Amino acid sequence: MTTRRRFIARMAFAAAAMLAFFAAPAAEAAPDRAKQVLDISNKHRAAAKVHPLKLDPALCKLAQIRARELERKFSHKRPNGRSCFSVFRENGVRRRNMGENIALGYRNSWSVMGGWMRSKGHRANILSRKYRRLGVGCHWSPRRRRLYWVQVFSN
């Protein structure tokens, strides 16, 4: 192989490697991600002798709304300046106890759960006895090239 062909082959390989690295994460379906986060959360809860959480479709809808909002403003405050919990009222979901975990940049369910479990406040939400239901949202931003994750908890 000539030097030029080797150079072209190396450049093609490098380009393919960069595309693979920076491309969207593996196409897990949203329900799969939610189920994985639920399962991992419940394993941690079982180890702490806390009742398991149940995946709640209404909370998953709220978590997905919040995950999309995080692309515009990564905060527990919504882009309109209101509390993250205002999404409950706006969508007709009434709950007494509510909690929210947010994260960005983690490429899969296991890594985001590892990050949350290493954080005292996030871990407290995951292991709290006052929560019985969980919603999970995940949003891929092609513009920012990262995933935004949300866990929403309630009684």
N, C-alpha and C. Protein backbone atom coordinates (compact mmCIF):
# COMPACT_ATOMS: atom_id res chain seq x y z
N MET A 1 0.85 -1.17 0.00
CA MET A 1 0.00 0.00 0.00
C MET A 1 0.90 1.24 0.00
N THR A 2 0.55 2.18 -0.81
CA THR A 2 1.35 3.40 -0.89
C THR A 2 1.12 4.26 0.34
N THR A 3 2.00 5.19 0.54
CA THR A 3 1.89 6.10 1.68
C THR A 3 0.58 6.88 1.62
N ARG A 4 0.22 7.32 0.42
CA ARG A 4 -1.02 8.09 0.27
C ARG A 4 -2.25 7.24 0.63
N ARG A 5 -2.29 6.01 0.19
CA ARG A 5 -3.44 5.14 0.50
C ARG A 5 -3.51 4.84 2.00
N ARG A 6 -2.35 4.63 2.61
CA ARG A 6 -2.34 4.41 4.07
C ARG A 6 -2.87 5.63 4.80
N PHE A 7 -2.45 6.81 4.34
CA PHE A 7 -2.92 8.06 4.94
C PHE A 7 -4.45 8.17 4.81
N ILE A 8 -4.98 7.91 3.64
CA ILE A 8 -6.43 7.99 3.40
C ILE A 8 -7.16 6.96 4.27
N ALA A 9 -6.62 5.77 4.35
CA ALA A 9 -7.24 4.72 5.18
C ALA A 9 -7.25 5.13 6.65
N ARG A 10 -6.15 5.69 7.13
CA ARG A 10 -6.09 6.15 8.53
C ARG A 10 -7.08 7.28 8.78
N MET A 11 -7.18 8.21 7.85
CA MET A 11 -8.11 9.33 8.00
C MET A 11 -9.56 8.82 8.01
N ALA A 12 -9.87 7.87 7.15
CA ALA A 12 -11.23 7.30 7.10
C ALA A 12 -11.54 6.60 8.43
N PHE A 13 -10.57 5.85 8.95
CA PHE A 13 -10.75 5.17 10.23
C PHE A 13 -10.96 6.19 11.35
N ALA A 14 -10.15 7.25 11.37
CA ALA A 14 -10.27 8.28 12.40
C ALA A 14 -11.63 8.97 12.32
N ALA A 15 -12.08 9.25 11.10
CA ALA A 15 -13.38 9.90 10.92
C ALA A 15 -14.50 8.98 11.43
N ALA A 16 -14.42 7.70 11.12
CA ALA A 16 -15.45 6.75 11.57
C ALA A 16 -15.44 6.64 13.09
N ALA A 17 -14.26 6.63 13.69
CA ALA A 17 -14.16 6.55 15.14
C ALA A 17 -14.75 7.79 15.79
N MET A 18 -14.48 8.97 15.22
CA MET A 18 -15.04 10.21 15.78
C MET A 18 -16.56 10.22 15.64
N LEU A 19 -17.08 9.78 14.52
CA LEU A 19 -18.54 9.72 14.34
C LEU A 19 -19.16 8.80 15.37
N ALA A 20 -18.55 7.65 15.60
CA ALA A 20 -19.08 6.71 16.58
C ALA A 20 -19.05 7.31 17.98
N PHE A 21 -18.00 8.05 18.31
CA PHE A 21 -17.87 8.62 19.65
C PHE A 21 -18.88 9.75 19.87
N PHE A 22 -19.03 10.62 18.86
CA PHE A 22 -19.87 11.79 19.04
C PHE A 22 -21.31 11.59 18.58
N ALA A 23 -21.63 10.45 18.04
CA ALA A 23 -23.00 10.20 17.59
C ALA A 23 -23.91 10.06 18.81
N ALA A 24 -25.20 10.09 18.56
CA ALA A 24 -26.17 9.90 19.63
C ALA A 24 -25.92 8.56 20.30
N PRO A 25 -26.17 8.47 21.60
CA PRO A 25 -25.99 7.20 22.30
C PRO A 25 -26.85 6.11 21.68
N ALA A 26 -26.51 4.90 21.99
CA ALA A 26 -27.25 3.76 21.45
C ALA A 26 -28.74 3.99 21.58
N ALA A 27 -29.46 3.58 20.58
CA ALA A 27 -30.88 3.89 20.50
C ALA A 27 -31.69 2.99 21.42
N GLU A 28 -31.51 3.14 22.73
CA GLU A 28 -32.40 2.47 23.67
C GLU A 28 -33.75 3.17 23.53
N ALA A 29 -34.81 2.43 23.52
CA ALA A 29 -36.13 3.05 23.50
C ALA A 29 -36.35 3.72 24.85
N ALA A 30 -37.09 4.82 24.86
CA ALA A 30 -37.37 5.55 26.11
C ALA A 30 -37.95 4.64 27.19
N PRO A 31 -38.91 3.74 26.86
CA PRO A 31 -39.42 2.85 27.91
C PRO A 31 -38.33 1.94 28.49
N ASP A 32 -37.37 1.54 27.65
CA ASP A 32 -36.27 0.71 28.15
C ASP A 32 -35.43 1.49 29.15
N ARG A 33 -35.14 2.74 28.83
CA ARG A 33 -34.35 3.57 29.76
C ARG A 33 -35.09 3.73 31.08
N ALA A 34 -36.39 4.02 31.01
CA ALA A 34 -37.18 4.21 32.23
C ALA A 34 -37.17 2.93 33.06
N LYS A 35 -37.37 1.80 32.40
CA LYS A 35 -37.38 0.51 33.12
C LYS A 35 -36.02 0.22 33.74
N GLN A 36 -34.94 0.53 33.01
CA GLN A 36 -33.60 0.30 33.55
C GLN A 36 -33.35 1.18 34.77
N VAL A 37 -33.72 2.46 34.68
CA VAL A 37 -33.53 3.37 35.83
C VAL A 37 -34.37 2.89 37.01
N LEU A 38 -35.60 2.46 36.75
CA LEU A 38 -36.46 1.92 37.82
C LEU A 38 -35.80 0.70 38.47
N ASP A 39 -35.35 -0.24 37.64
CA ASP A 39 -34.75 -1.47 38.18
C ASP A 39 -33.51 -1.16 39.02
N ILE A 40 -32.66 -0.28 38.53
CA ILE A 40 -31.44 0.06 39.28
C ILE A 40 -31.81 0.79 40.57
N SER A 41 -32.78 1.70 40.50
CA SER A 41 -33.24 2.42 41.70
C SER A 41 -33.76 1.42 42.73
N ASN A 42 -34.55 0.46 42.28
CA ASN A 42 -35.13 -0.52 43.21
C ASN A 42 -34.09 -1.47 43.78
N LYS A 43 -33.01 -1.74 43.06
CA LYS A 43 -31.93 -2.55 43.63
C LYS A 43 -31.27 -1.80 44.79
N HIS A 44 -31.05 -0.51 44.60
CA HIS A 44 -30.47 0.30 45.68
C HIS A 44 -31.44 0.40 46.85
N ARG A 45 -32.72 0.55 46.56
CA ARG A 45 -33.73 0.63 47.62
C ARG A 45 -33.82 -0.69 48.39
N ALA A 46 -33.75 -1.80 47.68
CA ALA A 46 -33.79 -3.11 48.35
C ALA A 46 -32.59 -3.29 49.28
N ALA A 47 -31.42 -2.86 48.82
CA ALA A 47 -30.21 -2.95 49.66
C ALA A 47 -30.35 -2.10 50.92
N ALA A 48 -31.12 -1.01 50.82
CA ALA A 48 -31.35 -0.12 51.97
C ALA A 48 -32.62 -0.51 52.74
N LYS A 49 -33.23 -1.63 52.35
CA LYS A 49 -34.45 -2.14 52.97
C LYS A 49 -35.60 -1.13 52.90
N VAL A 50 -35.77 -0.57 51.69
CA VAL A 50 -36.85 0.39 51.41
C VAL A 50 -37.76 -0.24 50.35
N HIS A 51 -39.07 -0.04 50.49
CA HIS A 51 -40.04 -0.59 49.53
C HIS A 51 -39.70 -0.15 48.10
N PRO A 52 -40.04 -0.98 47.12
CA PRO A 52 -39.73 -0.63 45.72
C PRO A 52 -40.63 0.48 45.20
N LEU A 53 -40.11 1.18 44.20
CA LEU A 53 -40.89 2.20 43.49
C LEU A 53 -41.64 1.53 42.35
N LYS A 54 -42.75 2.15 41.94
CA LYS A 54 -43.49 1.70 40.75
C LYS A 54 -43.37 2.77 39.69
N LEU A 55 -43.17 2.34 38.45
CA LEU A 55 -43.10 3.27 37.34
C LEU A 55 -44.50 3.81 37.06
N ASP A 56 -44.62 5.13 37.02
CA ASP A 56 -45.91 5.79 36.85
C ASP A 56 -45.92 6.52 35.51
N PRO A 57 -46.80 6.12 34.57
CA PRO A 57 -46.83 6.75 33.24
C PRO A 57 -47.06 8.26 33.29
N ALA A 58 -47.90 8.73 34.21
CA ALA A 58 -48.15 10.18 34.32
C ALA A 58 -46.87 10.90 34.75
N LEU A 59 -46.13 10.30 35.67
CA LEU A 59 -44.87 10.91 36.11
C LEU A 59 -43.82 10.83 35.01
N CYS A 60 -43.83 9.76 34.21
CA CYS A 60 -42.89 9.67 33.09
C CYS A 60 -43.14 10.81 32.10
N LYS A 61 -44.41 11.13 31.87
CA LYS A 61 -44.74 12.25 30.98
C LYS A 61 -44.18 13.56 31.53
N LEU A 62 -44.34 13.78 32.84
CA LEU A 62 -43.81 15.00 33.47
C LEU A 62 -42.29 15.03 33.40
N ALA A 63 -41.67 13.88 33.66
CA ALA A 63 -40.20 13.80 33.61
C ALA A 63 -39.69 14.09 32.21
N GLN A 64 -40.42 13.64 31.19
CA GLN A 64 -39.99 13.89 29.81
C GLN A 64 -40.12 15.37 29.47
N ILE A 65 -41.18 16.02 29.95
CA ILE A 65 -41.32 17.47 29.75
C ILE A 65 -40.14 18.19 30.38
N ARG A 66 -39.80 17.79 31.61
CA ARG A 66 -38.68 18.43 32.30
C ARG A 66 -37.35 18.15 31.60
N ALA A 67 -37.16 16.93 31.09
CA ALA A 67 -35.91 16.60 30.40
C ALA A 67 -35.72 17.49 29.18
N ARG A 68 -36.81 17.73 28.43
CA ARG A 68 -36.72 18.63 27.27
C ARG A 68 -36.40 20.06 27.70
N GLU A 69 -36.98 20.49 28.81
CA GLU A 69 -36.73 21.85 29.30
C GLU A 69 -35.28 22.06 29.73
N LEU A 70 -34.64 21.00 30.20
CA LEU A 70 -33.25 21.13 30.69
C LEU A 70 -32.28 21.55 29.60
N GLU A 71 -32.62 21.27 28.35
CA GLU A 71 -31.75 21.70 27.26
C GLU A 71 -31.68 23.23 27.22
N ARG A 72 -32.79 23.89 27.54
CA ARG A 72 -32.82 25.36 27.55
C ARG A 72 -32.27 25.94 28.84
N LYS A 73 -32.57 25.28 29.98
CA LYS A 73 -32.10 25.77 31.28
C LYS A 73 -31.88 24.58 32.20
N PHE A 74 -30.61 24.27 32.46
CA PHE A 74 -30.29 23.13 33.33
C PHE A 74 -30.38 23.59 34.78
N SER A 75 -31.54 23.40 35.35
CA SER A 75 -31.81 23.88 36.70
C SER A 75 -33.09 23.22 37.22
N HIS A 76 -33.25 23.23 38.54
CA HIS A 76 -34.51 22.79 39.12
C HIS A 76 -35.58 23.86 38.92
N LYS A 77 -35.19 25.03 38.47
CA LYS A 77 -36.14 26.05 38.05
C LYS A 77 -36.43 25.83 36.58
N ARG A 78 -37.66 25.99 36.18
CA ARG A 78 -38.05 25.81 34.79
C ARG A 78 -37.63 27.02 33.96
N PRO A 79 -37.60 26.89 32.63
CA PRO A 79 -37.22 28.03 31.79
C PRO A 79 -38.09 29.28 32.02
N ASN A 80 -39.34 29.08 32.47
CA ASN A 80 -40.21 30.22 32.75
C ASN A 80 -39.98 30.81 34.14
N GLY A 81 -39.00 30.26 34.89
CA GLY A 81 -38.65 30.78 36.21
C GLY A 81 -39.41 30.14 37.36
N ARG A 82 -40.37 29.28 37.05
CA ARG A 82 -41.16 28.64 38.10
C ARG A 82 -40.46 27.40 38.63
N SER A 83 -40.95 26.90 39.75
CA SER A 83 -40.41 25.69 40.38
C SER A 83 -40.58 24.49 39.46
N CYS A 84 -39.67 23.54 39.57
CA CYS A 84 -39.79 22.31 38.78
C CYS A 84 -41.10 21.59 39.06
N PHE A 85 -41.65 21.78 40.25
CA PHE A 85 -42.88 21.08 40.62
C PHE A 85 -44.13 21.70 40.01
N SER A 86 -44.00 22.87 39.39
CA SER A 86 -45.15 23.47 38.73
C SER A 86 -45.62 22.63 37.55
N VAL A 87 -44.74 21.78 37.02
CA VAL A 87 -45.12 20.89 35.92
C VAL A 87 -46.22 19.92 36.37
N PHE A 88 -46.26 19.58 37.65
CA PHE A 88 -47.31 18.70 38.19
C PHE A 88 -48.67 19.39 38.03
N ARG A 89 -48.77 20.60 38.58
CA ARG A 89 -50.04 21.32 38.55
C ARG A 89 -50.50 21.60 37.12
N GLU A 90 -49.57 22.02 36.28
CA GLU A 90 -49.91 22.37 34.90
C GLU A 90 -50.45 21.18 34.10
N ASN A 91 -50.13 19.98 34.54
CA ASN A 91 -50.58 18.78 33.83
C ASN A 91 -51.61 17.99 34.62
N GLY A 92 -52.21 18.63 35.62
CA GLY A 92 -53.30 18.02 36.37
C GLY A 92 -52.91 16.86 37.26
N VAL A 93 -51.65 16.78 37.66
CA VAL A 93 -51.20 15.70 38.54
C VAL A 93 -51.09 16.26 39.95
N ARG A 94 -51.87 15.69 40.87
CA ARG A 94 -51.88 16.18 42.26
C ARG A 94 -51.19 15.15 43.14
N ARG A 95 -50.14 15.58 43.80
CA ARG A 95 -49.39 14.72 44.71
C ARG A 95 -48.92 15.55 45.91
N ARG A 96 -48.76 14.90 47.04
CA ARG A 96 -48.29 15.60 48.24
C ARG A 96 -46.77 15.69 48.27
N ASN A 97 -46.11 14.56 48.18
CA ASN A 97 -44.65 14.52 48.26
C ASN A 97 -44.07 14.42 46.86
N MET A 98 -43.13 15.31 46.56
CA MET A 98 -42.53 15.31 45.22
C MET A 98 -41.02 15.51 45.35
N GLY A 99 -40.29 14.92 44.43
CA GLY A 99 -38.85 15.10 44.36
C GLY A 99 -38.39 15.05 42.92
N GLU A 100 -37.22 15.64 42.65
CA GLU A 100 -36.69 15.64 41.28
C GLU A 100 -35.18 15.47 41.33
N ASN A 101 -34.68 14.58 40.49
CA ASN A 101 -33.25 14.46 40.23
C ASN A 101 -33.02 14.82 38.77
N ILE A 102 -31.98 15.61 38.49
CA ILE A 102 -31.63 15.94 37.11
C ILE A 102 -30.16 15.63 36.88
N ALA A 103 -29.84 15.35 35.63
CA ALA A 103 -28.44 15.07 35.26
C ALA A 103 -28.27 15.33 33.78
N LEU A 104 -27.03 15.56 33.37
CA LEU A 104 -26.75 15.71 31.94
C LEU A 104 -25.43 15.06 31.59
N GLY A 105 -25.38 14.60 30.35
CA GLY A 105 -24.12 14.08 29.82
C GLY A 105 -23.89 12.59 30.00
N TYR A 106 -24.64 11.93 30.86
CA TYR A 106 -24.45 10.49 31.04
C TYR A 106 -25.00 9.75 29.82
N ARG A 107 -24.27 8.74 29.36
CA ARG A 107 -24.62 8.10 28.09
C ARG A 107 -25.58 6.92 28.23
N ASN A 108 -25.83 6.44 29.46
CA ASN A 108 -26.78 5.33 29.61
C ASN A 108 -27.36 5.32 31.02
N SER A 109 -28.31 4.44 31.23
CA SER A 109 -29.04 4.37 32.50
C SER A 109 -28.13 4.04 33.68
N TRP A 110 -27.18 3.14 33.46
CA TRP A 110 -26.30 2.72 34.55
C TRP A 110 -25.38 3.85 34.98
N SER A 111 -24.85 4.59 34.02
CA SER A 111 -23.93 5.67 34.40
C SER A 111 -24.66 6.81 35.09
N VAL A 112 -25.86 7.16 34.63
CA VAL A 112 -26.58 8.25 35.30
C VAL A 112 -26.96 7.83 36.72
N MET A 113 -27.36 6.58 36.89
CA MET A 113 -27.70 6.12 38.25
C MET A 113 -26.46 6.12 39.15
N GLY A 114 -25.30 5.77 38.60
CA GLY A 114 -24.07 5.83 39.38
C GLY A 114 -23.78 7.25 39.83
N GLY A 115 -23.97 8.21 38.93
CA GLY A 115 -23.77 9.62 39.28
C GLY A 115 -24.73 10.08 40.36
N TRP A 116 -26.01 9.73 40.22
CA TRP A 116 -26.98 10.12 41.24
C TRP A 116 -26.69 9.48 42.59
N MET A 117 -26.27 8.22 42.57
CA MET A 117 -26.00 7.54 43.85
C MET A 117 -24.75 8.07 44.54
N ARG A 118 -23.85 8.71 43.80
CA ARG A 118 -22.66 9.31 44.42
C ARG A 118 -22.94 10.71 44.98
N SER A 119 -24.11 11.24 44.72
CA SER A 119 -24.49 12.57 45.19
C SER A 119 -25.44 12.42 46.38
N LYS A 120 -25.09 13.06 47.50
CA LYS A 120 -25.87 12.92 48.72
C LYS A 120 -27.35 13.27 48.53
N GLY A 121 -27.64 14.38 47.90
CA GLY A 121 -29.03 14.82 47.72
C GLY A 121 -29.81 13.92 46.77
N HIS A 122 -29.18 13.53 45.66
CA HIS A 122 -29.86 12.65 44.70
C HIS A 122 -30.10 11.27 45.32
N ARG A 123 -29.09 10.79 46.03
CA ARG A 123 -29.20 9.49 46.70
C ARG A 123 -30.35 9.51 47.71
N ALA A 124 -30.47 10.63 48.44
CA ALA A 124 -31.55 10.74 49.43
C ALA A 124 -32.92 10.63 48.75
N ASN A 125 -33.08 11.25 47.59
CA ASN A 125 -34.35 11.12 46.86
C ASN A 125 -34.60 9.68 46.45
N ILE A 126 -33.59 9.03 45.90
CA ILE A 126 -33.74 7.65 45.42
C ILE A 126 -34.11 6.71 46.56
N LEU A 127 -33.55 6.93 47.73
CA LEU A 127 -33.77 6.01 48.86
C LEU A 127 -34.86 6.47 49.83
N SER A 128 -35.52 7.58 49.54
CA SER A 128 -36.53 8.12 50.46
C SER A 128 -37.73 7.19 50.61
N ARG A 129 -38.14 6.96 51.86
CA ARG A 129 -39.30 6.12 52.15
C ARG A 129 -40.61 6.83 51.82
N LYS A 130 -40.58 8.15 51.67
CA LYS A 130 -41.83 8.87 51.41
C LYS A 130 -42.30 8.75 49.95
N TYR A 131 -41.44 8.24 49.07
CA TYR A 131 -41.82 8.10 47.66
C TYR A 131 -42.22 6.66 47.35
N ARG A 132 -43.24 6.52 46.51
CA ARG A 132 -43.73 5.21 46.08
C ARG A 132 -43.74 5.09 44.56
N ARG A 133 -43.70 6.23 43.86
CA ARG A 133 -43.81 6.23 42.40
C ARG A 133 -42.65 6.98 41.77
N LEU A 134 -42.33 6.57 40.56
CA LEU A 134 -41.20 7.15 39.84
C LEU A 134 -41.58 7.41 38.39
N GLY A 135 -41.13 8.55 37.89
CA GLY A 135 -41.20 8.85 36.47
C GLY A 135 -39.80 9.12 35.98
N VAL A 136 -39.49 8.68 34.78
CA VAL A 136 -38.15 8.86 34.22
C VAL A 136 -38.28 9.52 32.85
N GLY A 137 -37.48 10.56 32.62
CA GLY A 137 -37.43 11.20 31.32
C GLY A 137 -35.99 11.30 30.84
N CYS A 138 -35.82 11.21 29.54
CA CYS A 138 -34.48 11.32 28.95
C CYS A 138 -34.63 12.00 27.59
N HIS A 139 -33.83 13.03 27.37
CA HIS A 139 -33.92 13.80 26.13
C HIS A 139 -32.53 13.93 25.51
N TRP A 140 -32.41 13.54 24.24
CA TRP A 140 -31.16 13.72 23.49
C TRP A 140 -31.22 15.04 22.76
N SER A 141 -30.19 15.86 22.95
CA SER A 141 -30.09 17.13 22.25
C SER A 141 -29.07 16.99 21.13
N PRO A 142 -29.52 16.98 19.87
CA PRO A 142 -28.56 16.90 18.77
C PRO A 142 -27.67 18.14 18.71
N ARG A 143 -28.23 19.28 19.10
CA ARG A 143 -27.47 20.53 19.05
C ARG A 143 -26.34 20.53 20.09
N ARG A 144 -26.65 20.11 21.28
CA ARG A 144 -25.63 20.09 22.36
C ARG A 144 -24.91 18.75 22.47
N ARG A 145 -25.43 17.75 21.75
CA ARG A 145 -24.82 16.42 21.70
C ARG A 145 -24.68 15.79 23.09
N ARG A 146 -25.77 15.84 23.84
CA ARG A 146 -25.77 15.20 25.16
C ARG A 146 -27.18 14.79 25.55
N LEU A 147 -27.24 13.89 26.53
CA LEU A 147 -28.51 13.45 27.07
C LEU A 147 -28.83 14.22 28.35
N TYR A 148 -30.10 14.53 28.51
CA TYR A 148 -30.59 15.16 29.73
C TYR A 148 -31.51 14.15 30.41
N TRP A 149 -31.29 13.91 31.68
CA TRP A 149 -32.01 12.89 32.44
C TRP A 149 -32.81 13.52 33.57
N VAL A 150 -33.99 12.97 33.85
CA VAL A 150 -34.81 13.42 34.97
C VAL A 150 -35.46 12.21 35.64
N GLN A 151 -35.43 12.23 36.96
CA GLN A 151 -36.25 11.33 37.78
C GLN A 151 -37.23 12.23 38.52
N VAL A 152 -38.51 11.87 38.50
CA VAL A 152 -39.54 12.57 39.26
C VAL A 152 -40.15 11.55 40.22
N PHE A 153 -40.20 11.93 41.48
CA PHE A 153 -40.70 11.03 42.53
C PHE A 153 -41.99 11.59 43.13
N SER A 154 -42.87 10.70 43.58
CA SER A 154 -44.04 11.15 44.35
C SER A 154 -44.55 10.02 45.22
N ASN A 155 -45.53 10.37 46.07
CA ASN A 155 -46.13 9.40 46.97
C ASN A 155 -47.12 8.52 46.23
